[in-house]
Amino acid sequence: MKVPRDLYGRELADHLIRRWDYRETHQTGSHIVLRTELPSAQTLPIPAHKPMRIGTLTAILRMVSEHKRASRSEILRGL
């Protein structure tokens, strides 16, 4: 599955909160900070920029997929 090129940071954060057991802890400047405890603790900063850069989005998806042991396409499903 291709990485979307018009995805906003807030949209990604909301998706991770709804479907992947993350919760928003706070926002520092233009970064939304998410945290999960499942399967272990992970803190994830997401830039709240208008369309996110592809490299940044790919790096965030890699971190989530490694932590949740899911494929990138599984994580993107439902966006």
N, C-alpha and C. Protein backbone atom coordinates (compact mmCIF):
# COMPACT_ATOMS: atom_id res chain seq x y z
N MET A 1 0.85 -1.18 0.00
CA MET A 1 0.00 0.00 0.00
C MET A 1 0.89 1.24 0.00
N LYS A 2 0.55 2.19 -0.84
CA LYS A 2 1.32 3.43 -0.93
C LYS A 2 1.03 4.32 0.27
N VAL A 3 2.01 5.09 0.65
CA VAL A 3 1.87 6.05 1.74
C VAL A 3 1.09 7.25 1.22
N PRO A 4 0.03 7.68 1.91
CA PRO A 4 -0.73 8.84 1.44
C PRO A 4 0.13 10.10 1.45
N ARG A 5 -0.03 10.93 0.45
CA ARG A 5 0.79 12.13 0.32
C ARG A 5 0.12 13.38 0.86
N ASP A 6 -1.12 13.28 1.28
CA ASP A 6 -1.85 14.46 1.74
C ASP A 6 -2.36 14.28 3.17
N LEU A 7 -1.63 13.52 3.98
CA LEU A 7 -2.07 13.20 5.33
C LEU A 7 -1.56 14.25 6.32
N TYR A 8 -2.46 14.76 7.11
CA TYR A 8 -2.11 15.73 8.15
C TYR A 8 -1.74 14.98 9.42
N GLY A 9 -0.89 15.60 10.23
CA GLY A 9 -0.47 14.98 11.48
C GLY A 9 -1.63 14.71 12.42
N ARG A 10 -2.59 15.62 12.49
CA ARG A 10 -3.76 15.45 13.36
C ARG A 10 -4.58 14.24 12.92
N GLU A 11 -4.72 14.03 11.61
CA GLU A 11 -5.47 12.87 11.10
C GLU A 11 -4.79 11.57 11.52
N LEU A 12 -3.47 11.51 11.39
CA LEU A 12 -2.73 10.31 11.78
C LEU A 12 -2.85 10.07 13.28
N ALA A 13 -2.71 11.12 14.07
CA ALA A 13 -2.83 10.98 15.53
C ALA A 13 -4.22 10.47 15.91
N ASP A 14 -5.26 11.03 15.33
CA ASP A 14 -6.63 10.59 15.63
C ASP A 14 -6.83 9.12 15.23
N HIS A 15 -6.27 8.72 14.11
CA HIS A 15 -6.38 7.33 13.66
C HIS A 15 -5.68 6.38 14.65
N LEU A 16 -4.48 6.75 15.09
CA LEU A 16 -3.75 5.90 16.04
C LEU A 16 -4.48 5.84 17.39
N ILE A 17 -5.12 6.90 17.78
CA ILE A 17 -5.88 6.91 19.04
C ILE A 17 -7.10 6.00 18.92
N ARG A 18 -7.83 6.12 17.81
CA ARG A 18 -9.05 5.33 17.63
C ARG A 18 -8.78 3.83 17.49
N ARG A 19 -7.77 3.48 16.71
CA ARG A 19 -7.62 2.06 16.32
C ARG A 19 -6.43 1.32 16.89
N TRP A 20 -5.44 2.03 17.44
CA TRP A 20 -4.22 1.35 17.84
C TRP A 20 -3.84 1.58 19.30
N ASP A 21 -4.79 1.92 20.14
CA ASP A 21 -4.59 2.02 21.59
C ASP A 21 -3.57 3.07 22.03
N TYR A 22 -3.45 4.14 21.27
CA TYR A 22 -2.62 5.27 21.70
C TYR A 22 -3.53 6.28 22.38
N ARG A 23 -2.93 7.12 23.22
CA ARG A 23 -3.68 8.23 23.81
C ARG A 23 -2.80 9.47 23.72
N GLU A 24 -3.47 10.61 23.58
CA GLU A 24 -2.74 11.87 23.48
C GLU A 24 -2.37 12.33 24.88
N THR A 25 -1.10 12.53 25.14
CA THR A 25 -0.68 12.97 26.46
C THR A 25 -0.58 14.49 26.53
N HIS A 26 -0.01 15.10 25.49
CA HIS A 26 0.09 16.55 25.45
C HIS A 26 0.54 17.00 24.07
N GLN A 27 0.60 18.31 23.91
CA GLN A 27 1.13 18.88 22.67
C GLN A 27 2.19 19.90 23.04
N THR A 28 3.34 19.77 22.43
CA THR A 28 4.44 20.69 22.66
C THR A 28 4.73 21.39 21.34
N GLY A 29 4.44 22.66 21.27
CA GLY A 29 4.63 23.39 20.02
C GLY A 29 3.76 22.79 18.94
N SER A 30 4.38 22.39 17.85
CA SER A 30 3.61 21.81 16.75
C SER A 30 3.66 20.29 16.74
N HIS A 31 4.00 19.66 17.87
CA HIS A 31 4.07 18.20 17.93
C HIS A 31 3.05 17.65 18.91
N ILE A 32 2.27 16.70 18.44
CA ILE A 32 1.32 15.98 19.26
C ILE A 32 2.06 14.78 19.83
N VAL A 33 2.00 14.58 21.13
CA VAL A 33 2.72 13.47 21.75
C VAL A 33 1.71 12.40 22.16
N LEU A 34 1.88 11.21 21.58
CA LEU A 34 1.01 10.07 21.87
C LEU A 34 1.79 9.07 22.71
N ARG A 35 1.04 8.27 23.46
CA ARG A 35 1.67 7.23 24.29
C ARG A 35 0.78 5.99 24.28
N THR A 36 1.41 4.84 24.33
CA THR A 36 0.69 3.57 24.46
C THR A 36 1.42 2.71 25.49
N GLU A 37 0.68 1.82 26.09
CA GLU A 37 1.26 0.87 27.05
C GLU A 37 1.17 -0.56 26.53
N LEU A 38 0.58 -0.75 25.34
CA LEU A 38 0.38 -2.08 24.79
C LEU A 38 1.23 -2.28 23.55
N PRO A 39 2.01 -3.26 23.38
CA PRO A 39 2.35 -4.31 24.31
C PRO A 39 3.35 -3.87 25.36
N SER A 40 4.00 -2.73 25.13
CA SER A 40 4.89 -2.14 26.13
C SER A 40 4.80 -0.62 25.95
N ALA A 41 5.48 0.12 26.78
CA ALA A 41 5.39 1.58 26.71
C ALA A 41 6.11 2.12 25.47
N GLN A 42 5.47 3.09 24.83
CA GLN A 42 6.07 3.78 23.70
C GLN A 42 5.51 5.20 23.67
N THR A 43 6.40 6.16 23.49
CA THR A 43 6.01 7.55 23.30
C THR A 43 6.30 7.92 21.86
N LEU A 44 5.35 8.58 21.22
CA LEU A 44 5.45 8.85 19.79
C LEU A 44 5.11 10.31 19.50
N PRO A 45 6.08 11.13 19.11
CA PRO A 45 5.77 12.51 18.72
C PRO A 45 5.34 12.55 17.25
N ILE A 46 4.26 13.27 16.98
CA ILE A 46 3.76 13.41 15.62
C ILE A 46 3.66 14.89 15.30
N PRO A 47 4.33 15.35 14.24
CA PRO A 47 4.23 16.76 13.89
C PRO A 47 2.82 17.09 13.40
N ALA A 48 2.25 18.16 13.90
CA ALA A 48 0.89 18.56 13.52
C ALA A 48 0.95 19.48 12.31
N HIS A 49 1.84 19.19 11.38
CA HIS A 49 2.01 20.02 10.19
C HIS A 49 0.94 19.71 9.17
N LYS A 50 0.73 20.68 8.32
CA LYS A 50 -0.11 20.43 7.16
C LYS A 50 0.65 19.43 6.33
N PRO A 51 0.12 18.88 5.30
CA PRO A 51 0.56 17.55 4.90
C PRO A 51 1.99 17.20 5.36
N MET A 52 2.05 16.05 6.04
CA MET A 52 3.33 15.58 6.57
C MET A 52 4.25 15.20 5.43
N ARG A 53 5.53 15.36 5.65
CA ARG A 53 6.51 14.93 4.66
C ARG A 53 6.53 13.40 4.61
N ILE A 54 6.79 12.88 3.45
CA ILE A 54 6.75 11.43 3.24
C ILE A 54 7.75 10.71 4.12
N GLY A 55 8.96 11.23 4.24
CA GLY A 55 9.98 10.58 5.07
C GLY A 55 9.59 10.55 6.54
N THR A 56 8.98 11.63 7.02
CA THR A 56 8.52 11.68 8.42
C THR A 56 7.40 10.68 8.64
N LEU A 57 6.45 10.65 7.73
CA LEU A 57 5.33 9.72 7.85
C LEU A 57 5.82 8.27 7.80
N THR A 58 6.75 7.98 6.90
CA THR A 58 7.29 6.63 6.79
C THR A 58 8.00 6.21 8.08
N ALA A 59 8.75 7.13 8.67
CA ALA A 59 9.45 6.82 9.92
C ALA A 59 8.47 6.54 11.05
N ILE A 60 7.41 7.34 11.15
CA ILE A 60 6.40 7.12 12.19
C ILE A 60 5.71 5.78 11.98
N LEU A 61 5.35 5.47 10.74
CA LEU A 61 4.70 4.19 10.45
C LEU A 61 5.61 3.02 10.78
N ARG A 62 6.91 3.17 10.52
CA ARG A 62 7.86 2.10 10.85
C ARG A 62 7.91 1.88 12.36
N MET A 63 7.95 2.96 13.13
CA MET A 63 7.99 2.83 14.59
C MET A 63 6.74 2.13 15.12
N VAL A 64 5.58 2.54 14.61
CA VAL A 64 4.32 1.94 15.07
C VAL A 64 4.25 0.48 14.65
N SER A 65 4.62 0.18 13.42
CA SER A 65 4.52 -1.21 12.95
C SER A 65 5.46 -2.14 13.70
N GLU A 66 6.66 -1.67 14.02
CA GLU A 66 7.58 -2.51 14.80
C GLU A 66 7.06 -2.71 16.22
N HIS A 67 6.52 -1.67 16.80
CA HIS A 67 6.05 -1.76 18.18
C HIS A 67 4.79 -2.63 18.30
N LYS A 68 3.87 -2.47 17.36
CA LYS A 68 2.60 -3.20 17.41
C LYS A 68 2.66 -4.53 16.66
N ARG A 69 3.80 -4.80 16.00
CA ARG A 69 3.97 -6.02 15.21
C ARG A 69 2.86 -6.17 14.17
N ALA A 70 2.67 -5.11 13.41
CA ALA A 70 1.66 -5.08 12.35
C ALA A 70 2.31 -4.50 11.10
N SER A 71 1.76 -4.82 9.96
CA SER A 71 2.33 -4.28 8.72
C SER A 71 1.89 -2.83 8.54
N ARG A 72 2.63 -2.15 7.71
CA ARG A 72 2.31 -0.75 7.44
C ARG A 72 0.92 -0.61 6.82
N SER A 73 0.55 -1.54 5.94
CA SER A 73 -0.77 -1.47 5.31
C SER A 73 -1.88 -1.69 6.34
N GLU A 74 -1.64 -2.55 7.35
CA GLU A 74 -2.63 -2.72 8.42
C GLU A 74 -2.84 -1.43 9.19
N ILE A 75 -1.76 -0.72 9.44
CA ILE A 75 -1.84 0.52 10.20
C ILE A 75 -2.57 1.60 9.39
N LEU A 76 -2.31 1.65 8.10
CA LEU A 76 -2.93 2.65 7.25
C LEU A 76 -4.40 2.35 6.92
N ARG A 77 -4.81 1.10 7.09
CA ARG A 77 -6.18 0.72 6.76
C ARG A 77 -7.16 1.54 7.61
N GLY A 78 -8.15 2.12 6.98
CA GLY A 78 -9.16 2.88 7.68
C GLY A 78 -8.88 4.37 7.76
N LEU A 79 -7.79 4.81 7.16
CA LEU A 79 -7.49 6.25 7.15
C LEU A 79 -8.34 6.97 6.13
